[in-house]
Protein backbone atom coordinates (compact mmCIF):
# COMPACT_ATOMS: atom_id res chain seq x y z
CA MET A 1 0.06 -0.05 0.07
CA ASN A 2 1.31 3.39 -0.87
CA ILE A 3 0.33 6.02 1.56
CA LYS A 4 0.79 9.41 -0.08
CA ASP A 5 1.81 12.23 2.54
CA LEU A 6 -0.80 14.93 2.03
CA PHE A 7 1.03 17.21 4.10
CA THR A 8 3.66 17.53 1.24
CA GLU A 9 3.28 19.09 -2.29
CA ASP A 10 4.37 15.99 -3.91
CA GLY A 11 1.54 13.81 -2.14
CA VAL A 12 -1.06 16.54 -2.87
CA ASN A 13 -0.06 16.78 -6.30
CA GLU A 14 0.08 13.11 -7.11
CA THR A 15 -3.16 12.60 -5.37
CA ILE A 16 -4.91 15.55 -7.37
CA LYS A 17 -3.54 14.17 -10.65
CA ARG A 18 -5.40 10.87 -9.93
CA ILE A 19 -8.51 12.55 -9.11
CA GLU A 20 -8.18 14.47 -12.32
CA LYS A 21 -8.01 11.13 -14.26
CA LEU A 22 -11.58 10.48 -13.28
CA SER A 23 -14.55 11.43 -15.38
CA ALA A 24 -18.25 11.38 -14.94
CA GLU A 25 -18.29 8.13 -16.97
CA SER A 26 -15.86 6.28 -14.62
CA VAL A 27 -16.88 2.84 -13.55
CA PRO A 28 -15.83 0.97 -10.38
CA GLN A 29 -13.66 -2.06 -10.58
CA TRP A 30 -15.67 -3.31 -7.69
CA GLY A 31 -18.69 -2.05 -5.51
CA LYS A 32 -21.90 -0.21 -6.23
CA MET A 33 -20.93 3.47 -5.91
CA LYS A 34 -21.09 5.69 -8.88
CA VAL A 35 -18.07 7.83 -9.40
CA GLU A 36 -19.90 11.16 -8.05
CA GLU A 37 -21.21 8.83 -5.07
CA MET A 38 -17.41 7.96 -4.29
CA LEU A 39 -16.35 11.43 -4.40
CA ALA A 40 -19.09 12.48 -2.06
CA HIS A 41 -18.23 9.59 0.22
CA CYS A 42 -14.54 10.68 0.31
CA ASN A 43 -15.77 14.13 1.16
CA VAL A 44 -17.34 13.06 4.26
CA ALA A 45 -14.02 12.30 6.13
CA TYR A 46 -13.13 16.02 5.44
CA GLU A 47 -16.61 17.33 6.28
CA MET A 48 -16.24 15.61 9.79
CA VAL A 49 -13.20 17.84 10.36
CA PHE A 50 -14.18 21.11 8.74
CA LYS A 51 -18.02 21.21 9.14
CA GLU A 52 -18.60 21.06 12.91
CA GLY A 53 -22.12 19.86 13.69
CA LYS A 54 -22.87 18.35 10.18
CA TYR A 55 -22.45 14.78 11.49
CA LYS A 56 -23.56 13.74 15.12
CA LYS A 57 -20.53 12.63 17.18
CA PRO A 58 -20.75 9.11 18.66
CA ASN A 59 -21.57 9.02 22.30
CA GLY A 60 -19.05 7.81 25.06
CA PHE A 61 -19.65 4.10 24.70
CA ALA A 62 -19.82 4.16 20.61
CA LYS A 63 -16.68 6.20 20.62
CA LEU A 64 -14.97 3.79 22.84
CA MET A 65 -15.90 0.92 20.54
CA LEU A 66 -14.73 2.60 17.59
CA LYS A 67 -11.37 3.55 19.11
CA LEU A 68 -10.82 -0.32 20.32
CA PHE A 69 -12.15 -1.92 17.20
CA VAL A 70 -12.19 0.49 14.25
CA LYS A 71 -9.46 2.92 14.82
CA LYS A 72 -6.63 0.56 13.89
CA ALA A 73 -8.15 -0.52 10.57
CA VAL A 74 -8.72 3.32 9.64
CA VAL A 75 -5.38 4.70 10.69
CA GLY A 76 -2.97 1.68 10.47
CA PRO A 77 -1.09 0.71 7.47
CA LYS A 78 -3.08 -2.35 6.26
CA PRO A 79 -5.33 -1.71 3.29
CA TYR A 80 -9.09 -1.64 3.42
CA PRO A 81 -10.76 -4.69 1.90
CA LYS A 82 -12.89 -4.60 -1.10
CA ASN A 83 -16.63 -4.22 -0.62
CA GLY A 84 -16.03 -3.60 2.96
CA ARG A 85 -18.80 -2.08 5.15
CA THR A 86 -18.75 1.70 5.91
CA SER A 87 -20.14 3.89 8.50
CA PRO A 88 -23.74 5.16 8.00
CA ASP A 89 -22.54 8.65 7.75
CA PHE A 90 -20.65 7.69 4.75
CA LEU A 91 -23.26 6.36 2.71
CA ILE A 92 -24.35 8.65 -0.06
CA LYS A 93 -27.99 8.34 -0.58
CA ASP A 94 -28.89 11.33 -2.88
CA GLU A 95 -27.89 12.41 -6.17
CA ARG A 96 -24.69 14.30 -6.52
CA ASN A 97 -22.84 16.17 -9.26
CA PHE A 98 -19.59 14.95 -10.40
CA GLU A 99 -17.75 18.43 -10.88
CA VAL A 100 -18.89 19.68 -7.75
CA GLU A 101 -17.96 16.62 -5.59
CA LYS A 102 -14.56 16.41 -7.49
CA ASN A 103 -13.72 20.18 -7.04
CA LYS A 104 -14.75 19.96 -3.19
CA LEU A 105 -12.34 16.92 -2.57
CA ILE A 106 -9.55 18.61 -4.44
CA SER A 107 -10.32 21.85 -2.07
CA TYR A 108 -10.25 19.72 1.04
CA ILE A 109 -6.91 17.97 0.04
CA ILE A 110 -5.29 21.48 -0.76
CA LYS A 111 -6.79 22.80 2.67
CA VAL A 112 -5.35 19.95 4.73
CA ASN A 113 -1.93 20.65 3.13
CA LYS A 114 -2.22 24.38 3.68
CA LEU A 115 -3.17 23.95 7.20
CA GLY A 116 -0.14 21.52 7.76
CA LYS A 117 1.05 18.95 10.19
CA ASP A 118 1.00 21.27 13.06
CA HIS A 119 -2.63 22.01 12.75
CA PHE A 120 -3.52 18.37 12.85
CA ASN A 121 -0.97 17.14 15.63
CA HIS A 122 -3.21 15.81 18.26
CA LYS A 123 -6.29 17.22 16.81
CA GLU A 124 -9.48 15.61 18.05
CA SER A 125 -11.02 13.28 15.43
CA HIS A 126 -14.98 12.86 15.03
CA SER A 127 -14.84 9.21 16.08
CA PHE A 128 -11.39 8.16 17.43
CA GLY A 129 -10.09 10.85 19.69
CA LYS A 130 -6.86 12.79 19.38
CA LEU A 131 -4.76 11.54 16.24
CA ASN A 132 -1.23 12.29 15.56
CA THR A 133 -0.21 13.71 12.01
CA THR A 134 0.77 10.21 10.79
CA GLU A 135 -2.69 9.00 11.83
CA TRP A 136 -4.47 11.97 10.26
CA ASN A 137 -2.52 11.45 7.07
CA THR A 138 -3.09 7.79 6.86
CA LEU A 139 -6.89 8.43 7.48
CA PHE A 140 -7.19 10.77 4.53
CA SER A 141 -4.81 9.31 2.23
CA LYS A 142 -5.60 5.57 2.63
CA HIS A 143 -9.20 6.21 2.11
CA LEU A 144 -8.68 8.18 -1.03
CA ASP A 145 -6.05 5.48 -2.36
CA HIS A 146 -8.67 2.71 -1.68
CA HIS A 147 -11.47 4.63 -3.78
CA LEU A 148 -9.27 6.01 -6.42
CA THR A 149 -8.04 2.51 -6.93
CA GLN A 150 -11.71 1.26 -6.93
CA PHE A 151 -12.11 3.44 -9.92
CA GLY A 152 -8.88 2.51 -11.66
CA VAL A 153 -6.91 5.71 -11.23
């Protein structure tokens, strides 16, 4: 698995180049999502950071369970399995516009890079408590890589 460092210009540029290879006609190599749904799905991870209150935070018990049983899979080095289950917050149930979602995702990636490592070091995540910069980068980059690979880019 190749986790790009989204806190570096090279990591951001390589990731954006992959996103730019997508088109509204791109089809998945596995799974059921359309390309615009996948982009919107990827945007949720950033919305949880940047749009306070849009998603309900898990209660204490649920957050403990997420930290104990899900965190390692999300911020660890092991790739996500194909067709894995996702959190209900990440399910896209309405129609989305490809260009809008693509541009939003690129903007979020650039925003993370501009804010930099210091901003994210020990920043509280929506579901997993405080994460270090490596964990934040892995959370963002691994998820993007999984879904960009899903669409062959």
